[in-house]
């Protein structure tokens, strides 16, 4: 039978949140780098 306690469910949700936040941060950094370096956008528009 499947049993998910509150603590394991909470830690799973926490790990998911950390993963999503990390992914969003990496995506933002990479897209900003492409805007500045490859597309030669002004820094104010890239931010």
N, C-alpha and C. Protein backbone atom coordinates (compact mmCIF):
# COMPACT_ATOMS: atom_id res chain seq x y z
N UNK A 1 0.84 -1.19 0.00
CA UNK A 1 0.00 0.00 0.00
C UNK A 1 0.88 1.25 0.00
N UNK A 2 0.33 2.33 -0.54
CA UNK A 2 1.08 3.58 -0.63
C UNK A 2 0.79 4.43 0.61
N UNK A 3 1.85 4.85 1.24
CA UNK A 3 1.71 5.74 2.40
C UNK A 3 2.68 6.90 2.24
N UNK A 4 2.14 8.08 2.22
CA UNK A 4 2.97 9.28 2.17
C UNK A 4 2.67 10.09 3.41
N UNK A 5 3.65 10.20 4.26
CA UNK A 5 3.44 10.97 5.48
C UNK A 5 3.56 12.46 5.17
N UNK A 6 3.16 13.27 6.12
CA UNK A 6 3.20 14.71 5.92
C UNK A 6 4.63 15.20 5.75
N UNK A 7 5.57 14.61 6.49
CA UNK A 7 6.95 15.08 6.41
C UNK A 7 7.57 14.76 5.07
N UNK A 8 7.33 13.56 4.53
CA UNK A 8 7.93 13.24 3.24
C UNK A 8 7.27 14.04 2.12
N UNK A 9 5.98 14.28 2.24
CA UNK A 9 5.29 15.09 1.25
C UNK A 9 5.79 16.53 1.30
N UNK A 10 6.03 17.01 2.50
CA UNK A 10 6.52 18.38 2.66
C UNK A 10 7.94 18.52 2.12
N UNK A 11 8.78 17.53 2.38
CA UNK A 11 10.15 17.61 1.87
C UNK A 11 10.19 17.45 0.36
N UNK A 12 9.28 16.66 -0.19
CA UNK A 12 9.20 16.53 -1.64
C UNK A 12 8.77 17.85 -2.27
N UNK A 13 7.80 18.51 -1.68
CA UNK A 13 7.36 19.82 -2.18
C UNK A 13 8.48 20.85 -2.07
N UNK A 14 9.23 20.78 -0.99
CA UNK A 14 10.35 21.70 -0.81
C UNK A 14 11.43 21.47 -1.86
N UNK A 15 11.75 20.21 -2.12
CA UNK A 15 12.75 19.89 -3.13
C UNK A 15 12.29 20.33 -4.52
N UNK A 16 11.02 20.17 -4.80
CA UNK A 16 10.47 20.61 -6.09
C UNK A 16 10.58 22.13 -6.23
N UNK A 17 10.28 22.84 -5.16
CA UNK A 17 10.38 24.30 -5.18
C UNK A 17 11.81 24.77 -5.42
N UNK A 18 12.77 24.10 -4.78
CA UNK A 18 14.18 24.45 -4.98
C UNK A 18 14.59 24.18 -6.42
N UNK A 19 14.14 23.06 -6.98
CA UNK A 19 14.48 22.72 -8.36
C UNK A 19 13.90 23.73 -9.35
N UNK A 20 12.65 24.12 -9.13
CA UNK A 20 12.01 25.09 -10.03
C UNK A 20 12.71 26.45 -9.93
N UNK A 21 13.02 26.86 -8.71
CA UNK A 21 13.70 28.14 -8.52
C UNK A 21 15.08 28.14 -9.17
N UNK A 22 15.81 27.05 -9.01
CA UNK A 22 17.13 26.94 -9.64
C UNK A 22 17.06 26.97 -11.15
N UNK A 23 16.06 26.29 -11.70
CA UNK A 23 15.88 26.28 -13.15
C UNK A 23 15.55 27.68 -13.67
N UNK A 24 14.68 28.38 -12.98
CA UNK A 24 14.32 29.74 -13.40
C UNK A 24 15.53 30.68 -13.32
N UNK A 25 16.34 30.53 -12.28
CA UNK A 25 17.52 31.37 -12.13
C UNK A 25 18.52 31.11 -13.26
N UNK A 26 18.78 29.85 -13.56
CA UNK A 26 19.71 29.51 -14.65
C UNK A 26 19.20 30.01 -15.99
N UNK A 27 17.91 29.86 -16.24
CA UNK A 27 17.33 30.33 -17.49
C UNK A 27 17.46 31.84 -17.62
N UNK A 28 17.20 32.56 -16.54
CA UNK A 28 17.31 34.02 -16.56
C UNK A 28 18.74 34.46 -16.85
N UNK A 29 19.70 33.81 -16.20
CA UNK A 29 21.11 34.17 -16.42
C UNK A 29 21.53 33.88 -17.86
N UNK A 30 21.14 32.73 -18.38
CA UNK A 30 21.53 32.37 -19.74
C UNK A 30 20.88 33.28 -20.78
N UNK A 31 19.60 33.57 -20.63
CA UNK A 31 18.92 34.45 -21.59
C UNK A 31 19.50 35.86 -21.52
N UNK A 32 19.80 36.34 -20.34
CA UNK A 32 20.40 37.67 -20.20
C UNK A 32 21.77 37.71 -20.87
N UNK A 33 22.55 36.64 -20.72
CA UNK A 33 23.86 36.57 -21.36
C UNK A 33 23.74 36.59 -22.88
N UNK A 34 22.78 35.85 -23.41
CA UNK A 34 22.56 35.84 -24.86
C UNK A 34 22.14 37.22 -25.35
N UNK A 35 21.24 37.88 -24.60
CA UNK A 35 20.80 39.21 -25.00
C UNK A 35 21.96 40.20 -25.04
N UNK A 36 22.85 40.11 -24.06
CA UNK A 36 23.95 41.07 -23.99
C UNK A 36 25.07 40.74 -24.97
N UNK A 37 25.48 39.48 -25.03
CA UNK A 37 26.66 39.10 -25.81
C UNK A 37 26.36 38.86 -27.29
N UNK A 38 25.33 38.08 -27.57
CA UNK A 38 25.05 37.70 -28.96
C UNK A 38 24.19 38.73 -29.68
N UNK A 39 23.13 39.18 -29.02
CA UNK A 39 22.19 40.08 -29.68
C UNK A 39 22.59 41.54 -29.52
N UNK A 40 23.59 41.82 -28.67
CA UNK A 40 24.10 43.19 -28.44
C UNK A 40 23.02 44.16 -27.98
N UNK A 41 22.12 43.67 -27.12
CA UNK A 41 21.09 44.54 -26.56
C UNK A 41 21.72 45.46 -25.53
N UNK A 42 21.18 46.66 -25.36
CA UNK A 42 21.65 47.53 -24.27
C UNK A 42 21.34 46.88 -22.92
N UNK A 43 22.22 47.07 -21.96
CA UNK A 43 22.02 46.42 -20.65
C UNK A 43 20.67 46.72 -20.00
N UNK A 44 20.15 47.93 -20.18
CA UNK A 44 18.86 48.25 -19.56
C UNK A 44 17.72 47.44 -20.16
N UNK A 45 17.80 47.12 -21.44
CA UNK A 45 16.76 46.30 -22.06
C UNK A 45 16.92 44.82 -21.71
N UNK A 46 18.15 44.40 -21.51
CA UNK A 46 18.40 42.99 -21.20
C UNK A 46 17.97 42.64 -19.78
N UNK A 47 17.94 43.64 -18.91
CA UNK A 47 17.53 43.39 -17.53
C UNK A 47 16.07 43.59 -17.43
